[in-house]
PDB file of N, CA and C in Angstrom:
ATOM      1  N   MET A   1       0.949  -1.640   0.238  1.00  0.00           N
ATOM      2  CA  MET A   1      -0.033  -0.245  -0.141  1.00  0.00           C
ATOM      3  C   MET A   1       1.071   1.298  -0.233  1.00  0.00           C
ATOM      4  N   THR A   2       0.817   2.402  -0.918  1.00  0.00           N
ATOM      5  CA  THR A   2       1.281   3.707  -0.955  1.00  0.00           C
ATOM      6  C   THR A   2       1.128   4.522   0.109  1.00  0.00           C
ATOM      7  N   PHE A   3       2.335   5.096   0.483  1.00  0.00           N
ATOM      8  CA  PHE A   3       1.475   6.236   1.311  1.00  0.00           C
ATOM      9  C   PHE A   3       0.961   6.905   1.214  1.00  0.00           C
ATOM     10  N   SER A   4      -0.161   7.267  -0.386  1.00  0.00           N
ATOM     11  CA  SER A   4      -0.922   7.885  -0.857  1.00  0.00           C
ATOM     12  C   SER A   4      -2.339   7.229   0.165  1.00  0.00           C
ATOM     13  N   LYS A   5      -2.300   6.263  -0.311  1.00  0.00           N
ATOM     14  CA  LYS A   5      -3.385   5.052   0.396  1.00  0.00           C
ATOM     15  C   LYS A   5      -3.462   4.750   1.920  1.00  0.00           C
ATOM     16  N   ILE A   6      -3.140   5.102   2.666  1.00  0.00           N
ATOM     17  CA  ILE A   6      -2.992   5.180   3.910  1.00  0.00           C
ATOM     18  C   ILE A   6      -3.940   6.049   5.011  1.00  0.00           C
ATOM     19  N   PRO A   7      -3.969   7.258   4.243  1.00  0.00           N
ATOM     20  CA  PRO A   7      -4.970   7.828   4.664  1.00  0.00           C
ATOM     21  C   PRO A   7      -6.415   7.676   3.867  1.00  0.00           C
ATOM     22  N   ALA A   8      -6.682   7.453   3.081  1.00  0.00           N
ATOM     23  CA  ALA A   8      -7.844   7.243   2.445  1.00  0.00           C
ATOM     24  C   ALA A   8      -8.605   5.988   3.543  1.00  0.00           C
ATOM     25  N   ALA A   9      -7.523   5.269   3.845  1.00  0.00           N
ATOM     26  CA  ALA A   9      -7.930   3.236   3.612  1.00  0.00           C
ATOM     27  C   ALA A   9      -8.235   3.954   5.570  1.00  0.00           C
ATOM     28  N   ALA A  10      -6.949   4.507   6.154  1.00  0.00           N
ATOM     29  CA  ALA A  10      -8.074   5.251   7.476  1.00  0.00           C
ATOM     30  C   ALA A  10      -8.853   5.818   7.646  1.00  0.00           C
ATOM     31  N   ALA A  11      -9.459   6.845   7.022  1.00  0.00           N
ATOM     32  CA  ALA A  11     -11.066   7.687   6.771  1.00  0.00           C
ATOM     33  C   ALA A  11     -11.728   6.411   6.667  1.00  0.00           C
ATOM     34  N   LEU A  12     -12.002   5.634   5.774  1.00  0.00           N
ATOM     35  CA  LEU A  12     -13.015   4.972   5.402  1.00  0.00           C
ATOM     36  C   LEU A  12     -13.387   3.836   6.954  1.00  0.00           C
ATOM     37  N   VAL A  13     -12.218   3.351   7.151  1.00  0.00           N
ATOM     38  CA  VAL A  13     -12.170   2.476   8.822  1.00  0.00           C
ATOM     39  C   VAL A  13     -13.182   3.397   9.634  1.00  0.00           C
ATOM     40  N   LEU A  14     -12.949   4.872  10.219  1.00  0.00           N
ATOM     41  CA  LEU A  14     -13.001   5.818  11.173  1.00  0.00           C
ATOM     42  C   LEU A  14     -14.389   5.417  10.553  1.00  0.00           C
ATOM     43  N   ALA A  15     -14.451   6.222   9.377  1.00  0.00           N
ATOM     44  CA  ALA A  15     -15.945   6.291   8.854  1.00  0.00           C
ATOM     45  C   ALA A  15     -16.930   4.971   9.235  1.00  0.00           C
ATOM     46  N   VAL A  16     -16.521   3.878   8.874  1.00  0.00           N
ATOM     47  CA  VAL A  16     -16.889   2.928   9.154  1.00  0.00           C
ATOM     48  C   VAL A  16     -17.825   2.836  10.802  1.00  0.00           C
ATOM     49  N   PHE A  17     -16.636   2.851  11.483  1.00  0.00           N
ATOM     50  CA  PHE A  17     -16.657   2.862  12.414  1.00  0.00           C
ATOM     51  C   PHE A  17     -17.893   3.852  13.588  1.00  0.00           C
ATOM     52  N   ALA A  18     -18.127   5.046  12.886  1.00  0.00           N
ATOM     53  CA  ALA A  18     -18.526   5.951  13.618  1.00  0.00           C
ATOM     54  C   ALA A  18     -20.364   5.421  12.707  1.00  0.00           C
ATOM     55  N   LEU A  19     -20.091   4.600  11.795  1.00  0.00           N
ATOM     56  CA  LEU A  19     -21.912   4.619  11.291  1.00  0.00           C
ATOM     57  C   LEU A  19     -22.530   3.748  11.827  1.00  0.00           C
ATOM     58  N   SER A  20     -21.439   2.194  12.425  1.00  0.00           N
ATOM     59  CA  SER A  20     -21.861   1.501  13.446  1.00  0.00           C
ATOM     60  C   SER A  20     -22.252   2.359  14.955  1.00  0.00           C
ATOM     61  N   ALA A  21     -21.602   3.044  15.508  1.00  0.00           N
ATOM     62  CA  ALA A  21     -22.076   3.947  16.261  1.00  0.00           C
ATOM     63  C   ALA A  21     -23.536   4.457  16.064  1.00  0.00           C
ATOM     64  N   CYS A  22     -23.641   5.396  15.115  1.00  0.00           N
ATOM     65  CA  CYS A  22     -24.787   6.256  14.640  1.00  0.00           C
ATOM     66  C   CYS A  22     -25.851   5.032  15.206  1.00  0.00           C
ATOM     67  N   GLY A  23     -25.573   3.347  14.453  1.00  0.00           N
ATOM     68  CA  GLY A  23     -26.505   2.563  14.047  1.00  0.00           C
ATOM     69  C   GLY A  23     -27.321   2.096  15.100  1.00  0.00           C
ATOM     70  N   ASN A  24     -26.249   2.496  16.658  1.00  0.00           N
ATOM     71  CA  ASN A  24     -26.767   1.031  17.544  1.00  0.00           C
ATOM     72  C   ASN A  24     -27.074   2.398  18.295  1.00  0.00           C
ATOM     73  N   THR A  25     -26.923   3.596  18.334  1.00  0.00           N
ATOM     74  CA  THR A  25     -27.602   4.765  19.072  1.00  0.00           C
ATOM     75  C   THR A  25     -29.025   4.684  19.109  1.00  0.00           C
ATOM     76  N   ILE A  26     -29.214   4.589  17.205  1.00  0.00           N
ATOM     77  CA  ILE A  26     -30.485   4.826  16.807  1.00  0.00           C
ATOM     78  C   ILE A  26     -31.405   3.334  17.244  1.00  0.00           C
ATOM     79  N   ARG A  27     -30.696   2.275  17.295  1.00  0.00           N
ATOM     80  CA  ARG A  27     -31.208   1.342  18.016  1.00  0.00           C
ATOM     81  C   ARG A  27     -31.956   1.431  19.958  1.00  0.00           C
ATOM     82  N   GLY A  28     -30.311   2.309  20.274  1.00  0.00           N
ATOM     83  CA  GLY A  28     -30.771   1.755  21.546  1.00  0.00           C
ATOM     84  C   GLY A  28     -32.256   3.709  21.841  1.00  0.00           C
ATOM     85  N   ILE A  29     -32.270   4.742  21.145  1.00  0.00           N
ATOM     86  CA  ILE A  29     -32.999   6.004  20.531  1.00  0.00           C
ATOM     87  C   ILE A  29     -34.402   4.807  20.586  1.00  0.00           C
ATOM     88  N   GLY A  30     -34.873   3.850  19.909  1.00  0.00           N
ATOM     89  CA  GLY A  30     -35.718   3.301  19.623  1.00  0.00           C
ATOM     90  C   GLY A  30     -36.463   1.695  20.361  1.00  0.00           C
ATOM     91  N   LYS A  31     -35.621   2.040  21.450  1.00  0.00           N
ATOM     92  CA  LYS A  31     -35.661   0.851  22.733  1.00  0.00           C
ATOM     93  C   LYS A  31     -36.247   1.427  23.808  1.00  0.00           C
ATOM     94  N   ASP A  32     -35.755   2.411  23.937  1.00  0.00           N
ATOM     95  CA  ASP A  32     -36.141   3.925  25.279  1.00  0.00           C
ATOM     96  C   ASP A  32     -37.093   4.068  24.636  1.00  0.00           C
ATOM     97  N   THR A  33     -37.968   4.354  23.550  1.00  0.00           N
ATOM     98  CA  THR A  33     -38.763   5.081  23.360  1.00  0.00           C
ATOM     99  C   THR A  33     -40.310   3.982  23.261  1.00  0.00           C
ATOM    100  N   ALA A  34     -39.662   3.059  23.197  1.00  0.00           N
ATOM    101  CA  ALA A  34     -40.375   1.437  23.089  1.00  0.00           C
ATOM    102  C   ALA A  34     -41.314   1.548  24.529  1.00  0.00           C
ATOM    103  N   ASN A  35     -40.319   1.983  25.277  1.00  0.00           N
ATOM    104  CA  ASN A  35     -40.025   1.372  27.140  1.00  0.00           C
ATOM    105  C   ASN A  35     -40.867   2.960  27.765  1.00  0.00           C
ATOM    106  N   THR A  36     -40.652   4.089  27.084  1.00  0.00           N
ATOM    107  CA  THR A  36     -41.739   5.057  27.590  1.00  0.00           C
ATOM    108  C   THR A  36     -43.047   4.479  27.429  1.00  0.00           C
ATOM    109  N   VAL A  37     -42.814   4.430  26.415  1.00  0.00           N
ATOM    110  CA  VAL A  37     -44.673   3.759  25.761  1.00  0.00           C
ATOM    111  C   VAL A  37     -45.226   3.708  26.871  1.00  0.00           C
ATOM    112  N   ASP A  38     -44.597   2.029  26.641  1.00  0.00           N
ATOM    113  CA  ASP A  38     -44.982   0.555  27.750  1.00  0.00           C
ATOM    114  C   ASP A  38     -45.339   1.792  28.608  1.00  0.00           C
ATOM    115  N   ALA A  39     -44.448   2.510  29.681  1.00  0.00           N
ATOM    116  CA  ALA A  39     -44.428   2.916  30.944  1.00  0.00           C
ATOM    117  C   ALA A  39     -45.830   4.020  31.546  1.00  0.00           C
ATOM    118  N   THR A  40     -45.881   4.729  29.971  1.00  0.00           N
ATOM    119  CA  THR A  40     -47.413   5.686  29.777  1.00  0.00           C
ATOM    120  C   THR A  40     -48.401   4.912  29.935  1.00  0.00           C
ATOM    121  N   GLN A  41     -48.319   3.845  29.119  1.00  0.00           N
ATOM    122  CA  GLN A  41     -49.169   3.242  29.410  1.00  0.00           C
ATOM    123  C   GLN A  41     -50.447   2.629  30.610  1.00  0.00           C
ATOM    124  N   ALA A  42     -48.595   1.108  31.184  1.00  0.00           N
ATOM    125  CA  ALA A  42     -49.006   1.094  32.402  1.00  0.00           C
ATOM    126  C   ALA A  42     -49.131   1.849  33.268  1.00  0.00           C
ATOM    127  N   ALA A  43     -48.882   3.397  33.505  1.00  0.00           N
ATOM    128  CA  ALA A  43     -49.361   4.333  34.319  1.00  0.00           C
ATOM    129  C   ALA A  43     -50.706   4.631  33.734  1.00  0.00           C
ATOM    130  N   GLY A  44     -51.015   4.631  33.212  1.00  0.00           N
ATOM    131  CA  GLY A  44     -52.371   4.783  32.656  1.00  0.00           C
ATOM    132  C   GLY A  44     -53.362   4.159  33.471  1.00  0.00           C
ATOM    133  N   LYS A  45     -53.171   2.589  33.086  1.00  0.00           N
ATOM    134  CA  LYS A  45     -53.998   1.793  33.987  1.00  0.00           C
ATOM    135  C   LYS A  45     -54.031   2.091  34.469  1.00  0.00           C
ATOM    136  N   SER A  46     -53.007   1.892  35.573  1.00  0.00           N
ATOM    137  CA  SER A  46     -52.996   2.353  36.756  1.00  0.00           C
ATOM    138  C   SER A  46     -54.122   2.920  37.642  1.00  0.00           C
ATOM    139  N   VAL A  47     -53.873   3.948  36.554  1.00  0.00           N
ATOM    140  CA  VAL A  47     -54.762   5.674  36.976  1.00  0.00           C
ATOM    141  C   VAL A  47     -56.210   5.104  36.826  1.00  0.00           C
ATOM    142  N   GLU A  48     -56.704   4.586  35.941  1.00  0.00           N
ATOM    143  CA  GLU A  48     -57.816   3.925  35.671  1.00  0.00           C
ATOM    144  C   GLU A  48     -58.578   2.731  36.524  1.00  0.00           C
ATOM    145  N   LYS A  49     -57.437   2.255  36.925  1.00  0.00           N
ATOM    146  CA  LYS A  49     -58.081   1.421  37.987  1.00  0.00           C
ATOM    147  C   LYS A  49     -58.039   1.960  39.523  1.00  0.00           C
ATOM    148  N   ALA A  50     -57.498   2.890  39.379  1.00  0.00           N
ATOM    149  CA  ALA A  50     -57.985   3.555  40.694  1.00  0.00           C
ATOM    150  C   ALA A  50     -58.544   4.109  41.217  1.00  0.00           C
ATOM    151  N   ALA A  51     -59.230   5.305  39.658  1.00  0.00           N
ATOM    152  CA  ALA A  51     -60.030   6.031  38.943  1.00  0.00           C
ATOM    153  C   ALA A  51     -61.433   5.073  39.667  1.00  0.00           C
ATOM    154  N   ASN A  52     -61.872   3.701  39.953  1.00  0.00           N
ATOM    155  CA  ASN A  52     -62.761   3.129  39.761  1.00  0.00           C
ATOM    156  C   ASN A  52     -63.125   2.163  41.209  1.00  0.00           C
TER     157      ASN A  52
END
């Protein structure tokens, strides 16, 4: 590998790592959102039971 190709290869590796980190973050946000919806629904059911 020539010296001119090393920076390009390093940039490609860094881009792959950055994109994989973004994918994990987006997946985590989706799970957090789902958990928030579930908790809100459970709280609403608890309030409904208490009101009856």
